[in-house]
Amino acid sequence: MNDPAVLDLAARVTYAVDPDSDYPKHFTGEVMVETRDGRMLRHREAINRGASDRPLSNADIDAKYFENAARTVDATRAAHIRAAVLDLHLHPASALGDILAGATAPQGVSA
C-alpha cells in the first residue's frame, strides 16, 4: 500500500451512495471515470450478476469459484474442495473440515 501510483489513484477516487439503488433487492453499482480530456465514461449495473433477476449459470458459478480459490490454493486442491462441498450430503461435515484443513482428498475424486 506504499506504491506511489496506487496512492495517487486512490487520492483521485470518490464514493457516493446511489440514490437510485433498490438495495437490498439488488446490489447496484456504477463506475464513472472522468478522463484527462474531460470526457465522462460511465457503466451501471442495475441488477448485479447472481441476483434472482440475473442468475448465474452453473458454469459461471464454477468459473467464479475457481477464480477466487486460485488466490489461495492450487487447482487440484480447489477441485477437491469443490467436490467435497457438492457431495456434502453424502458425508459427515467433518469430512469437509478435513479437506479444508488439507488432511485428505475426497474419495473417488481425481483432479
C-alpha atoms as a PDB file:
ATOM      1  CA  MET A   1       0.000   0.000   0.000  1.00  0.00           C
ATOM      2  CA  ASN A   2       3.007   2.284  -0.327  1.00  0.00           C
ATOM      3  CA  ASP A   3       3.105   2.202  -4.129  1.00  0.00           C
ATOM      4  CA  PRO A   4       3.024   5.851  -5.259  1.00  0.00           C
ATOM      5  CA  ALA A   5       0.935   5.026  -8.357  1.00  0.00           C
ATOM      6  CA  VAL A   6      -1.705   3.261  -6.221  1.00  0.00           C
ATOM      7  CA  LEU A   7      -1.741   6.080  -3.686  1.00  0.00           C
ATOM      8  CA  ASP A   8      -2.074   8.660  -6.473  1.00  0.00           C
ATOM      9  CA  LEU A   9      -5.036   6.816  -7.983  1.00  0.00           C
ATOM     10  CA  ALA A  10      -6.663   6.329  -4.565  1.00  0.00           C
ATOM     11  CA  ALA A  11      -6.423  10.064  -3.895  1.00  0.00           C
ATOM     12  CA  ARG A  12      -8.490  10.710  -7.030  1.00  0.00           C
ATOM     13  CA  VAL A  13     -11.281   8.219  -6.234  1.00  0.00           C
ATOM     14  CA  THR A  14     -14.506   9.285  -4.535  1.00  0.00           C
ATOM     15  CA  TYR A  15     -17.617   7.422  -3.450  1.00  0.00           C
ATOM     16  CA  ALA A  16     -21.246   8.381  -3.141  1.00  0.00           C
ATOM     17  CA  VAL A  17     -24.363   6.487  -2.112  1.00  0.00           C
ATOM     18  CA  ASP A  18     -26.545   5.749  -5.142  1.00  0.00           C
ATOM     19  CA  PRO A  19     -29.912   7.453  -4.593  1.00  0.00           C
ATOM     20  CA  ASP A  20     -31.485   5.205  -7.260  1.00  0.00           C
ATOM     21  CA  SER A  21     -30.376   1.944  -5.643  1.00  0.00           C
ATOM     22  CA  ASP A  22     -33.043  -0.606  -4.777  1.00  0.00           C
ATOM     23  CA  TYR A  23     -30.777  -2.261  -2.181  1.00  0.00           C
ATOM     24  CA  PRO A  24     -31.199  -4.794  -0.617  1.00  0.00           C
ATOM     25  CA  LYS A  25     -33.090  -6.359  -3.537  1.00  0.00           C
ATOM     26  CA  HIS A  26     -30.109  -5.722  -5.816  1.00  0.00           C
ATOM     27  CA  PHE A  27     -26.530  -4.652  -5.251  1.00  0.00           C
ATOM     28  CA  THR A  28     -26.464  -1.925  -7.869  1.00  0.00           C
ATOM     29  CA  GLY A  29     -23.377  -0.032  -8.798  1.00  0.00           C
ATOM     30  CA  GLU A  30     -21.989   2.488 -11.209  1.00  0.00           C
ATOM     31  CA  VAL A  31     -18.482   3.482 -12.181  1.00  0.00           C
ATOM     32  CA  MET A  32     -17.849   6.926 -13.593  1.00  0.00           C
ATOM     33  CA  VAL A  33     -14.434   7.887 -14.924  1.00  0.00           C
ATOM     34  CA  GLU A  34     -13.545  11.392 -15.981  1.00  0.00           C
ATOM     35  CA  THR A  35     -10.717  11.316 -18.499  1.00  0.00           C
ATOM     36  CA  ARG A  36      -7.967  13.916 -18.681  1.00  0.00           C
ATOM     37  CA  ASP A  37      -9.643  15.425 -21.746  1.00  0.00           C
ATOM     38  CA  GLY A  38     -12.896  15.918 -19.796  1.00  0.00           C
ATOM     39  CA  ARG A  39     -14.953  13.017 -21.160  1.00  0.00           C
ATOM     40  CA  MET A  40     -17.137  11.133 -18.677  1.00  0.00           C
ATOM     41  CA  LEU A  41     -17.227   7.351 -19.123  1.00  0.00           C
ATOM     42  CA  ARG A  42     -19.966   5.510 -17.211  1.00  0.00           C
ATOM     43  CA  HIS A  43     -21.117   1.959 -16.663  1.00  0.00           C
ATOM     44  CA  ARG A  44     -24.047   0.987 -14.439  1.00  0.00           C
ATOM     45  CA  GLU A  45     -25.095  -2.438 -13.201  1.00  0.00           C
ATOM     46  CA  ALA A  46     -28.745  -2.028 -12.226  1.00  0.00           C
ATOM     47  CA  ILE A  47     -29.072  -5.722 -11.359  1.00  0.00           C
ATOM     48  CA  ASN A  48     -25.997  -7.497 -10.065  1.00  0.00           C
ATOM     49  CA  ARG A  49     -24.921 -10.801 -11.605  1.00  0.00           C
ATOM     50  CA  GLY A  50     -26.154 -13.613  -9.412  1.00  0.00           C
ATOM     51  CA  ALA A  51     -29.348 -11.870  -8.325  1.00  0.00           C
ATOM     52  CA  SER A  52     -32.581 -13.798  -8.842  1.00  0.00           C
ATOM     53  CA  ASP A  53     -33.383 -11.458 -11.753  1.00  0.00           C
ATOM     54  CA  ARG A  54     -29.977 -12.149 -13.346  1.00  0.00           C
ATOM     55  CA  PRO A  55     -28.895 -15.636 -12.252  1.00  0.00           C
ATOM     56  CA  LEU A  56     -25.507 -17.174 -12.896  1.00  0.00           C
ATOM     57  CA  SER A  57     -25.242 -20.406 -14.851  1.00  0.00           C
ATOM     58  CA  ASN A  58     -23.580 -23.416 -13.220  1.00  0.00           C
ATOM     59  CA  ALA A  59     -20.568 -22.817 -15.480  1.00  0.00           C
ATOM     60  CA  ASP A  60     -20.407 -19.183 -14.302  1.00  0.00           C
ATOM     61  CA  ILE A  61     -20.519 -20.305 -10.661  1.00  0.00           C
ATOM     62  CA  ASP A  62     -17.736 -22.848 -11.246  1.00  0.00           C
ATOM     63  CA  ALA A  63     -15.602 -20.255 -13.036  1.00  0.00           C
ATOM     64  CA  LYS A  64     -16.124 -17.723 -10.249  1.00  0.00           C
ATOM     65  CA  TYR A  65     -15.299 -20.328  -7.590  1.00  0.00           C
ATOM     66  CA  PHE A  66     -12.075 -21.430  -9.292  1.00  0.00           C
ATOM     67  CA  GLU A  67     -11.009 -17.827  -9.956  1.00  0.00           C
ATOM     68  CA  ASN A  68     -11.412 -16.981  -6.272  1.00  0.00           C
ATOM     69  CA  ALA A  69      -9.972 -20.258  -4.995  1.00  0.00           C
ATOM     70  CA  ALA A  70      -6.839 -19.760  -7.126  1.00  0.00           C
ATOM     71  CA  ARG A  71      -5.946 -16.858  -4.858  1.00  0.00           C
ATOM     72  CA  THR A  72      -5.135 -19.249  -2.015  1.00  0.00           C
ATOM     73  CA  VAL A  73      -4.985 -22.879  -3.208  1.00  0.00           C
ATOM     74  CA  ASP A  74      -3.774 -24.735  -6.275  1.00  0.00           C
ATOM     75  CA  ALA A  75      -6.205 -26.102  -8.888  1.00  0.00           C
ATOM     76  CA  THR A  76      -6.076 -29.671  -7.564  1.00  0.00           C
ATOM     77  CA  ARG A  77      -6.926 -28.609  -4.020  1.00  0.00           C
ATOM     78  CA  ALA A  78      -9.656 -26.295  -5.314  1.00  0.00           C
ATOM     79  CA  ALA A  79     -11.187 -29.224  -7.225  1.00  0.00           C
ATOM     80  CA  HIS A  80     -11.089 -31.396  -4.079  1.00  0.00           C
ATOM     81  CA  ILE A  81     -12.813 -28.688  -2.039  1.00  0.00           C
ATOM     82  CA  ARG A  82     -15.451 -28.186  -4.726  1.00  0.00           C
ATOM     83  CA  ALA A  83     -16.154 -31.924  -4.881  1.00  0.00           C
ATOM     84  CA  ALA A  84     -16.452 -32.136  -1.092  1.00  0.00           C
ATOM     85  CA  VAL A  85     -18.915 -29.252  -0.974  1.00  0.00           C
ATOM     86  CA  LEU A  86     -21.039 -30.695  -3.782  1.00  0.00           C
ATOM     87  CA  ASP A  87     -21.043 -34.099  -2.051  1.00  0.00           C
ATOM     88  CA  LEU A  88     -21.658 -32.686   1.422  1.00  0.00           C
ATOM     89  CA  HIS A  89     -24.974 -34.531   1.639  1.00  0.00           C
ATOM     90  CA  LEU A  90     -23.095 -37.860   1.283  1.00  0.00           C
ATOM     91  CA  HIS A  91     -20.525 -37.422   4.070  1.00  0.00           C
ATOM     92  CA  PRO A  92     -20.323 -36.042   7.590  1.00  0.00           C
ATOM     93  CA  ALA A  93     -19.469 -32.338   7.811  1.00  0.00           C
ATOM     94  CA  SER A  94     -16.196 -33.285   9.473  1.00  0.00           C
ATOM     95  CA  ALA A  95     -15.043 -34.735   6.127  1.00  0.00           C
ATOM     96  CA  LEU A  96     -15.305 -31.273   4.599  1.00  0.00           C
ATOM     97  CA  GLY A  97     -13.372 -29.895   7.570  1.00  0.00           C
ATOM     98  CA  ASP A  98     -10.596 -32.411   6.931  1.00  0.00           C
ATOM     99  CA  ILE A  99     -10.409 -31.430   3.269  1.00  0.00           C
ATOM    100  CA  LEU A 100     -10.354 -27.724   4.097  1.00  0.00           C
ATOM    101  CA  ALA A 101      -7.559 -28.398   6.571  1.00  0.00           C
ATOM    102  CA  GLY A 102      -5.657 -30.199   3.831  1.00  0.00           C
ATOM    103  CA  ALA A 103      -5.646 -33.505   5.661  1.00  0.00           C
ATOM    104  CA  THR A 104      -7.220 -35.575   2.905  1.00  0.00           C
ATOM    105  CA  ALA A 105      -8.752 -35.594  -0.553  1.00  0.00           C
ATOM    106  CA  PRO A 106     -12.342 -36.753  -1.074  1.00  0.00           C
ATOM    107  CA  GLN A 107     -12.659 -40.399  -2.000  1.00  0.00           C
ATOM    108  CA  GLY A 108     -13.163 -41.059  -5.679  1.00  0.00           C
ATOM    109  CA  VAL A 109     -12.024 -37.583  -6.709  1.00  0.00           C
ATOM    110  CA  SER A 110      -9.205 -37.119  -9.124  1.00  0.00           C
ATOM    111  CA  ALA A 111      -8.324 -33.620 -10.199  1.00  0.00           C
END
